[in-house]
Amino acid sequence: YYAYVEFICSETKRVLADGHIPWACEAFSRLHGKHLVQNPPLLWSWRFLMIKLWNHSLLDARAMNVCGTILQGYQNESGLDPKKM
């Protein structure tokens, strides 16, 4: 019985934690976007991490699009050409 209850609780906690990933990625992009666009290797690492999260079904396409739009806005503000990155 206890193993079953522990399994149910751990599944519930995992689902709740997984639900925080999209908004956390958006918040991270808003908070650190200016620094990310100034450092292209770091920007690509962040994008690669988002792709990994998407591959594991922890991040959806809408959240990836929002994060990409945020980063593109910072690139436009700074005058950096995104095609050169």
PDB file of N, CA and C in Angstrom:
ATOM      1  N   TYR A   1       0.819  -1.195   0.000  1.00  0.00           N
ATOM      2  CA  TYR A   1       0.000   0.000   0.000  1.00  0.00           C
ATOM      3  C   TYR A   1       0.862   1.259   0.000  1.00  0.00           C
ATOM      4  N   TYR A   2       1.901   1.267   0.862  1.00  0.00           N
ATOM      5  CA  TYR A   2       2.743   2.462   0.949  1.00  0.00           C
ATOM      6  C   TYR A   2       3.507   2.723  -0.352  1.00  0.00           C
ATOM      7  N   ALA A   3       3.918   1.664  -1.002  1.00  0.00           N
ATOM      8  CA  ALA A   3       4.619   1.831  -2.277  1.00  0.00           C
ATOM      9  C   ALA A   3       3.679   2.458  -3.303  1.00  0.00           C
ATOM     10  N   TYR A   4       2.439   2.043  -3.298  1.00  0.00           N
ATOM     11  CA  TYR A   4       1.457   2.595  -4.231  1.00  0.00           C
ATOM     12  C   TYR A   4       1.232   4.084  -3.954  1.00  0.00           C
ATOM     13  N   VAL A   5       1.072   4.441  -2.691  1.00  0.00           N
ATOM     14  CA  VAL A   5       0.847   5.846  -2.317  1.00  0.00           C
ATOM     15  C   VAL A   5       2.070   6.685  -2.688  1.00  0.00           C
ATOM     16  N   GLU A   6       3.267   6.144  -2.436  1.00  0.00           N
ATOM     17  CA  GLU A   6       4.479   6.872  -2.787  1.00  0.00           C
ATOM     18  C   GLU A   6       4.567   7.072  -4.303  1.00  0.00           C
ATOM     19  N   PHE A   7       4.184   6.060  -5.066  1.00  0.00           N
ATOM     20  CA  PHE A   7       4.199   6.162  -6.523  1.00  0.00           C
ATOM     21  C   PHE A   7       3.236   7.251  -6.991  1.00  0.00           C
ATOM     22  N   ILE A   8       2.035   7.261  -6.450  1.00  0.00           N
ATOM     23  CA  ILE A   8       1.038   8.270  -6.829  1.00  0.00           C
ATOM     24  C   ILE A   8       1.539   9.667  -6.474  1.00  0.00           C
ATOM     25  N   CYS A   9       2.115   9.824  -5.288  1.00  0.00           N
ATOM     26  CA  CYS A   9       2.614  11.135  -4.871  1.00  0.00           C
ATOM     27  C   CYS A   9       3.777  11.591  -5.744  1.00  0.00           C
ATOM     28  N   SER A  10       4.689  10.686  -6.058  1.00  0.00           N
ATOM     29  CA  SER A  10       5.832  11.076  -6.878  1.00  0.00           C
ATOM     30  C   SER A  10       5.384  11.443  -8.287  1.00  0.00           C
ATOM     31  N   GLU A  11       4.400  10.730  -8.831  1.00  0.00           N
ATOM     32  CA  GLU A  11       3.879  11.068 -10.158  1.00  0.00           C
ATOM     33  C   GLU A  11       3.215  12.438 -10.134  1.00  0.00           C
ATOM     34  N   THR A  12       2.471  12.725  -9.086  1.00  0.00           N
ATOM     35  CA  THR A  12       1.794  14.015  -8.974  1.00  0.00           C
ATOM     36  C   THR A  12       2.811  15.136  -8.870  1.00  0.00           C
ATOM     37  N   LYS A  13       3.853  14.943  -8.064  1.00  0.00           N
ATOM     38  CA  LYS A  13       4.884  15.973  -7.922  1.00  0.00           C
ATOM     39  C   LYS A  13       5.613  16.188  -9.237  1.00  0.00           C
ATOM     40  N   ARG A  14       5.878  15.100  -9.972  1.00  0.00           N
ATOM     41  CA  ARG A  14       6.591  15.238 -11.238  1.00  0.00           C
ATOM     42  C   ARG A  14       5.749  16.031 -12.228  1.00  0.00           C
ATOM     43  N   VAL A  15       4.472  15.743 -12.284  1.00  0.00           N
ATOM     44  CA  VAL A  15       3.592  16.462 -13.201  1.00  0.00           C
ATOM     45  C   VAL A  15       3.520  17.934 -12.818  1.00  0.00           C
ATOM     46  N   LEU A  16       3.440  18.229 -11.537  1.00  0.00           N
ATOM     47  CA  LEU A  16       3.404  19.621 -11.101  1.00  0.00           C
ATOM     48  C   LEU A  16       4.713  20.326 -11.429  1.00  0.00           C
ATOM     49  N   ALA A  17       5.833  19.667 -11.199  1.00  0.00           N
ATOM     50  CA  ALA A  17       7.136  20.269 -11.498  1.00  0.00           C
ATOM     51  C   ALA A  17       7.292  20.472 -12.999  1.00  0.00           C
ATOM     52  N   ASP A  18       6.877  19.506 -13.803  1.00  0.00           N
ATOM     53  CA  ASP A  18       6.986  19.631 -15.249  1.00  0.00           C
ATOM     54  C   ASP A  18       6.157  20.800 -15.776  1.00  0.00           C
ATOM     55  N   GLY A  19       5.082  21.108 -15.100  1.00  0.00           N
ATOM     56  CA  GLY A  19       4.231  22.209 -15.524  1.00  0.00           C
ATOM     57  C   GLY A  19       4.874  23.574 -15.350  1.00  0.00           C
ATOM     58  N   HIS A  20       5.919  23.656 -14.529  1.00  0.00           N
ATOM     59  CA  HIS A  20       6.589  24.927 -14.298  1.00  0.00           C
ATOM     60  C   HIS A  20       7.657  25.232 -15.351  1.00  0.00           C
ATOM     61  N   ILE A  21       8.054  24.258 -16.131  1.00  0.00           N
ATOM     62  CA  ILE A  21       9.157  24.441 -17.070  1.00  0.00           C
ATOM     63  C   ILE A  21       8.848  25.486 -18.145  1.00  0.00           C
ATOM     64  N   PRO A  22       7.672  25.484 -18.784  1.00  0.00           N
ATOM     65  CA  PRO A  22       7.431  26.504 -19.822  1.00  0.00           C
ATOM     66  C   PRO A  22       7.522  27.939 -19.313  1.00  0.00           C
ATOM     67  N   TRP A  23       6.886  28.231 -18.198  1.00  0.00           N
ATOM     68  CA  TRP A  23       6.942  29.617 -17.722  1.00  0.00           C
ATOM     69  C   TRP A  23       8.328  29.954 -17.187  1.00  0.00           C
ATOM     70  N   ALA A  24       9.048  28.953 -16.657  1.00  0.00           N
ATOM     71  CA  ALA A  24      10.408  29.203 -16.179  1.00  0.00           C
ATOM     72  C   ALA A  24      11.335  29.547 -17.349  1.00  0.00           C
ATOM     73  N   CYS A  25      11.154  28.867 -18.476  1.00  0.00           N
ATOM     74  CA  CYS A  25      11.961  29.180 -19.669  1.00  0.00           C
ATOM     75  C   CYS A  25      11.655  30.585 -20.170  1.00  0.00           C
ATOM     76  N   GLU A  26      10.389  30.949 -20.157  1.00  0.00           N
ATOM     77  CA  GLU A  26      10.012  32.294 -20.579  1.00  0.00           C
ATOM     78  C   GLU A  26      10.605  33.345 -19.634  1.00  0.00           C
ATOM     79  N   ALA A  27      10.525  33.079 -18.338  1.00  0.00           N
ATOM     80  CA  ALA A  27      11.079  34.020 -17.359  1.00  0.00           C
ATOM     81  C   ALA A  27      12.595  34.128 -17.501  1.00  0.00           C
ATOM     82  N   PHE A  28      13.265  33.002 -17.731  1.00  0.00           N
ATOM     83  CA  PHE A  28      14.711  33.016 -17.920  1.00  0.00           C
ATOM     84  C   PHE A  28      15.086  33.821 -19.164  1.00  0.00           C
ATOM     85  N   SER A  29      14.321  33.642 -20.229  1.00  0.00           N
ATOM     86  CA  SER A  29      14.601  34.386 -21.467  1.00  0.00           C
ATOM     87  C   SER A  29      14.395  35.882 -21.257  1.00  0.00           C
ATOM     88  N   ARG A  30      13.375  36.260 -20.511  1.00  0.00           N
ATOM     89  CA  ARG A  30      13.138  37.683 -20.236  1.00  0.00           C
ATOM     90  C   ARG A  30      14.227  38.260 -19.333  1.00  0.00           C
ATOM     91  N   LEU A  31      14.607  37.492 -18.321  1.00  0.00           N
ATOM     92  CA  LEU A  31      15.563  37.976 -17.334  1.00  0.00           C
ATOM     93  C   LEU A  31      16.983  38.050 -17.891  1.00  0.00           C
ATOM     94  N   HIS A  32      17.394  37.054 -18.658  1.00  0.00           N
ATOM     95  CA  HIS A  32      18.775  36.961 -19.120  1.00  0.00           C
ATOM     96  C   HIS A  32      18.931  37.168 -20.623  1.00  0.00           C
ATOM     97  N   GLY A  33      17.866  37.558 -21.310  1.00  0.00           N
ATOM     98  CA  GLY A  33      17.905  37.687 -22.764  1.00  0.00           C
ATOM     99  C   GLY A  33      18.966  38.638 -23.271  1.00  0.00           C
ATOM    100  N   LYS A  34      19.134  39.780 -22.605  1.00  0.00           N
ATOM    101  CA  LYS A  34      20.127  40.759 -23.055  1.00  0.00           C
ATOM    102  C   LYS A  34      21.529  40.174 -23.001  1.00  0.00           C
ATOM    103  N   HIS A  35      21.814  39.408 -21.965  1.00  0.00           N
ATOM    104  CA  HIS A  35      23.134  38.792 -21.829  1.00  0.00           C
ATOM    105  C   HIS A  35      23.308  37.652 -22.827  1.00  0.00           C
ATOM    106  N   LEU A  36      22.240  36.930 -23.087  1.00  0.00           N
ATOM    107  CA  LEU A  36      22.319  35.813 -24.027  1.00  0.00           C
ATOM    108  C   LEU A  36      22.625  36.282 -25.443  1.00  0.00           C
ATOM    109  N   VAL A  37      21.974  37.351 -25.885  1.00  0.00           N
ATOM    110  CA  VAL A  37      22.198  37.804 -27.264  1.00  0.00           C
ATOM    111  C   VAL A  37      23.576  38.437 -27.442  1.00  0.00           C
ATOM    112  N   GLN A  38      24.202  38.862 -26.363  1.00  0.00           N
ATOM    113  CA  GLN A  38      25.552  39.412 -26.452  1.00  0.00           C
ATOM    114  C   GLN A  38      26.619  38.320 -26.477  1.00  0.00           C
ATOM    115  N   ASN A  39      26.231  37.099 -26.151  1.00  0.00           N
ATOM    116  CA  ASN A  39      27.172  35.983 -26.107  1.00  0.00           C
ATOM    117  C   ASN A  39      26.604  34.841 -26.957  1.00  0.00           C
ATOM    118  N   PRO A  40      26.908  34.816 -28.269  1.00  0.00           N
ATOM    119  CA  PRO A  40      26.303  33.821 -29.168  1.00  0.00           C
ATOM    120  C   PRO A  40      26.478  32.359 -28.734  1.00  0.00           C
ATOM    121  N   PRO A  41      27.650  31.923 -28.228  1.00  0.00           N
ATOM    122  CA  PRO A  41      27.733  30.521 -27.784  1.00  0.00           C
ATOM    123  C   PRO A  41      26.763  30.206 -26.642  1.00  0.00           C
ATOM    124  N   LEU A  42      26.602  31.166 -25.743  1.00  0.00           N
ATOM    125  CA  LEU A  42      25.663  30.971 -24.638  1.00  0.00           C
ATOM    126  C   LEU A  42      24.223  30.954 -25.141  1.00  0.00           C
ATOM    127  N   LEU A  43      23.927  31.804 -26.119  1.00  0.00           N
ATOM    128  CA  LEU A  43      22.588  31.826 -26.717  1.00  0.00           C
ATOM    129  C   LEU A  43      22.269  30.487 -27.367  1.00  0.00           C
ATOM    130  N   TRP A  44      23.231  29.936 -28.121  1.00  0.00           N
ATOM    131  CA  TRP A  44      23.004  28.640 -28.764  1.00  0.00           C
ATOM    132  C   TRP A  44      22.873  27.519 -27.744  1.00  0.00           C
ATOM    133  N   SER A  45      23.594  27.615 -26.637  1.00  0.00           N
ATOM    134  CA  SER A  45      23.453  26.606 -25.575  1.00  0.00           C
ATOM    135  C   SER A  45      22.049  26.642 -24.981  1.00  0.00           C
ATOM    136  N   TRP A  46      21.534  27.866 -24.789  1.00  0.00           N
ATOM    137  CA  TRP A  46      20.175  28.011 -24.256  1.00  0.00           C
ATOM    138  C   TRP A  46      19.147  27.441 -25.235  1.00  0.00           C
ATOM    139  N   ARG A  47      19.321  27.733 -26.510  1.00  0.00           N
ATOM    140  CA  ARG A  47      18.396  27.196 -27.513  1.00  0.00           C
ATOM    141  C   ARG A  47      18.489  25.676 -27.590  1.00  0.00           C
ATOM    142  N   PHE A  48      19.703  25.151 -27.481  1.00  0.00           N
ATOM    143  CA  PHE A  48      19.888  23.701 -27.506  1.00  0.00           C
ATOM    144  C   PHE A  48      19.205  23.054 -26.297  1.00  0.00           C
ATOM    145  N   LEU A  49      19.304  23.697 -25.134  1.00  0.00           N
ATOM    146  CA  LEU A  49      18.620  23.174 -23.944  1.00  0.00           C
ATOM    147  C   LEU A  49      17.110  23.173 -24.147  1.00  0.00           C
ATOM    148  N   MET A  50      16.576  24.236 -24.747  1.00  0.00           N
ATOM    149  CA  MET A  50      15.126  24.265 -25.001  1.00  0.00           C
ATOM    150  C   MET A  50      14.723  23.144 -25.960  1.00  0.00           C
ATOM    151  N   ILE A  51      15.563  22.855 -26.960  1.00  0.00           N
ATOM    152  CA  ILE A  51      15.266  21.759 -27.881  1.00  0.00           C
ATOM    153  C   ILE A  51      15.269  20.429 -27.140  1.00  0.00           C
ATOM    154  N   LYS A  52      16.228  20.256 -26.229  1.00  0.00           N
ATOM    155  CA  LYS A  52      16.255  19.021 -25.435  1.00  0.00           C
ATOM    156  C   LYS A  52      14.991  18.886 -24.584  1.00  0.00           C
ATOM    157  N   LEU A  53      14.573  19.982 -23.975  1.00  0.00           N
ATOM    158  CA  LEU A  53      13.344  19.951 -23.178  1.00  0.00           C
ATOM    159  C   LEU A  53      12.142  19.615 -24.055  1.00  0.00           C
ATOM    160  N   TRP A  54      12.118  20.148 -25.265  1.00  0.00           N
ATOM    161  CA  TRP A  54      11.033  19.856 -26.197  1.00  0.00           C
ATOM    162  C   TRP A  54      11.051  18.372 -26.595  1.00  0.00           C
ATOM    163  N   ASN A  55      12.247  17.830 -26.839  1.00  0.00           N
ATOM    164  CA  ASN A  55      12.360  16.413 -27.200  1.00  0.00           C
ATOM    165  C   ASN A  55      11.856  15.494 -26.097  1.00  0.00           C
ATOM    166  N   HIS A  56      11.960  15.953 -24.843  1.00  0.00           N
ATOM    167  CA  HIS A  56      11.473  15.161 -23.710  1.00  0.00           C
ATOM    168  C   HIS A  56      10.040  15.525 -23.321  1.00  0.00           C
ATOM    169  N   SER A  57       9.378  16.291 -24.172  1.00  0.00           N
ATOM    170  CA  SER A  57       7.990  16.723 -23.960  1.00  0.00           C
ATOM    171  C   SER A  57       7.810  17.545 -22.685  1.00  0.00           C
ATOM    172  N   LEU A  58       8.852  18.267 -22.301  1.00  0.00           N
ATOM    173  CA  LEU A  58       8.763  19.128 -21.130  1.00  0.00           C
ATOM    174  C   LEU A  58       8.505  20.584 -21.506  1.00  0.00           C
ATOM    175  N   LEU A  59       8.678  20.886 -22.790  1.00  0.00           N
ATOM    176  CA  LEU A  59       8.460  22.237 -23.289  1.00  0.00           C
ATOM    177  C   LEU A  59       7.639  22.126 -24.562  1.00  0.00           C
ATOM    178  N   ASP A  60       6.617  22.959 -24.687  1.00  0.00           N
ATOM    179  CA  ASP A  60       5.772  22.882 -25.878  1.00  0.00           C
ATOM    180  C   ASP A  60       6.199  23.929 -26.907  1.00  0.00           C
ATOM    181  N   ALA A  61       5.633  23.812 -28.088  1.00  0.00           N
ATOM    182  CA  ALA A  61       6.007  24.691 -29.194  1.00  0.00           C
ATOM    183  C   ALA A  61       5.651  26.144 -28.903  1.00  0.00           C
ATOM    184  N   ARG A  62       4.553  26.372 -28.210  1.00  0.00           N
ATOM    185  CA  ARG A  62       4.151  27.744 -27.883  1.00  0.00           C
ATOM    186  C   ARG A  62       5.198  28.414 -27.008  1.00  0.00           C
ATOM    187  N   ALA A  63       5.678  27.702 -25.989  1.00  0.00           N
ATOM    188  CA  ALA A  63       6.679  28.273 -25.089  1.00  0.00           C
ATOM    189  C   ALA A  63       8.003  28.506 -25.830  1.00  0.00           C
ATOM    190  N   MET A  64       8.370  27.579 -26.714  1.00  0.00           N
ATOM    191  CA  MET A  64       9.588  27.776 -27.505  1.00  0.00           C
ATOM    192  C   MET A  64       9.450  29.006 -28.400  1.00  0.00           C
ATOM    193  N   ASN A  65       8.284  29.183 -28.980  1.00  0.00           N
ATOM    194  CA  ASN A  65       8.039  30.344 -29.837  1.00  0.00           C
ATOM    195  C   ASN A  65       8.106  31.638 -29.027  1.00  0.00           C
ATOM    196  N   VAL A  66       7.515  31.644 -27.851  1.00  0.00           N
ATOM    197  CA  VAL A  66       7.538  32.837 -27.008  1.00  0.00           C
ATOM    198  C   VAL A  66       8.977  33.173 -26.622  1.00  0.00           C
ATOM    199  N   CYS A  67       9.749  32.160 -26.222  1.00  0.00           N
ATOM    200  CA  CYS A  67      11.147  32.392 -25.849  1.00  0.00           C
ATOM    201  C   CYS A  67      11.951  32.901 -27.040  1.00  0.00           C
ATOM    202  N   GLY A  68      11.727  32.315 -28.197  1.00  0.00           N
ATOM    203  CA  GLY A  68      12.427  32.768 -29.399  1.00  0.00           C
ATOM    204  C   GLY A  68      12.067  34.197 -29.762  1.00  0.00           C
ATOM    205  N   THR A  69      10.814  34.558 -29.602  1.00  0.00           N
ATOM    206  CA  THR A  69      10.364  35.917 -29.885  1.00  0.00           C
ATOM    207  C   THR A  69      10.991  36.909 -28.912  1.00  0.00           C
ATOM    208  N   ILE A  70      11.079  36.522 -27.654  1.00  0.00           N
ATOM    209  CA  ILE A  70      11.716  37.379 -26.642  1.00  0.00           C
ATOM    210  C   ILE A  70      13.175  37.622 -27.013  1.00  0.00           C
ATOM    211  N   LEU A  71      13.876  36.543 -27.345  1.00  0.00           N
ATOM    212  CA  LEU A  71      15.295  36.666 -27.689  1.00  0.00           C
ATOM    213  C   LEU A  71      15.488  37.465 -28.971  1.00  0.00           C
ATOM    214  N   GLN A  72      14.601  37.274 -29.937  1.00  0.00           N
ATOM    215  CA  GLN A  72      14.689  38.027 -31.187  1.00  0.00           C
ATOM    216  C   GLN A  72      14.463  39.518 -30.937  1.00  0.00           C
ATOM    217  N   GLY A  73      13.571  39.827 -30.015  1.00  0.00           N
ATOM    218  CA  GLY A  73      13.352  41.229 -29.643  1.00  0.00           C
ATOM    219  C   GLY A  73      14.601  41.859 -29.054  1.00  0.00           C
ATOM    220  N   TYR A  74      15.295  41.118 -28.197  1.00  0.00           N
ATOM    221  CA  TYR A  74      16.553  41.635 -27.638  1.00  0.00           C
ATOM    222  C   TYR A  74      17.616  41.783 -28.719  1.00  0.00           C
ATOM    223  N   GLN A  75      17.632  40.851 -29.693  1.00  0.00           N
ATOM    224  CA  GLN A  75      18.588  40.966 -30.789  1.00  0.00           C
ATOM    225  C   GLN A  75      18.293  42.208 -31.625  1.00  0.00           C
ATOM    226  N   ASN A  76      17.019  42.477 -31.867  1.00  0.00           N
ATOM    227  CA  ASN A  76      16.642  43.666 -32.643  1.00  0.00           C
ATOM    228  C   ASN A  76      17.001  44.950 -31.894  1.00  0.00           C
ATOM    229  N   GLU A  77      16.815  44.952 -30.569  1.00  0.00           N
ATOM    230  CA  GLU A  77      17.159  46.119 -29.753  1.00  0.00           C
ATOM    231  C   GLU A  77      18.648  46.409 -29.791  1.00  0.00           C
ATOM    232  N   SER A  78      19.442  45.349 -29.748  1.00  0.00           N
ATOM    233  CA  SER A  78      20.890  45.532 -29.684  1.00  0.00           C
ATOM    234  C   SER A  78      21.511  45.760 -31.058  1.00  0.00           C
ATOM    235  N   GLY A  79      20.725  45.590 -32.115  1.00  0.00           N
ATOM    236  CA  GLY A  79      21.232  45.810 -33.457  1.00  0.00           C
ATOM    237  C   GLY A  79      22.067  44.669 -33.983  1.00  0.00           C
ATOM    238  N   LEU A  80      22.012  43.505 -33.337  1.00  0.00           N
ATOM    239  CA  LEU A  80      22.763  42.349 -33.805  1.00  0.00           C
ATOM    240  C   LEU A  80      21.997  41.638 -34.893  1.00  0.00           C
ATOM    241  N   ASP A  81      22.714  41.130 -35.880  1.00  0.00           N
ATOM    242  CA  ASP A  81      22.087  40.402 -36.982  1.00  0.00           C
ATOM    243  C   ASP A  81      21.948  38.945 -36.569  1.00  0.00           C
ATOM    244  N   PRO A  82      20.710  38.418 -36.399  1.00  0.00           N
ATOM    245  CA  PRO A  82      20.540  37.029 -35.967  1.00  0.00           C
ATOM    246  C   PRO A  82      21.062  36.018 -36.969  1.00  0.00           C
ATOM    247  N   LYS A  83      21.182  36.400 -38.239  1.00  0.00           N
ATOM    248  CA  LYS A  83      21.679  35.453 -39.248  1.00  0.00           C
ATOM    249  C   LYS A  83      23.177  35.222 -39.112  1.00  0.00           C
ATOM    250  N   LYS A  84      23.895  36.155 -38.510  1.00  0.00           N
ATOM    251  CA  LYS A  84      25.328  35.993 -38.338  1.00  0.00           C
ATOM    252  C   LYS A  84      25.662  35.163 -37.117  1.00  0.00           C
ATOM    253  N   MET A  85      24.675  34.861 -36.295  1.00  0.00           N
ATOM    254  CA  MET A  85      24.935  34.099 -35.077  1.00  0.00           C
ATOM    255  C   MET A  85      24.826  32.631 -35.321  1.00  0.00           C
TER     256      MET A  85
END
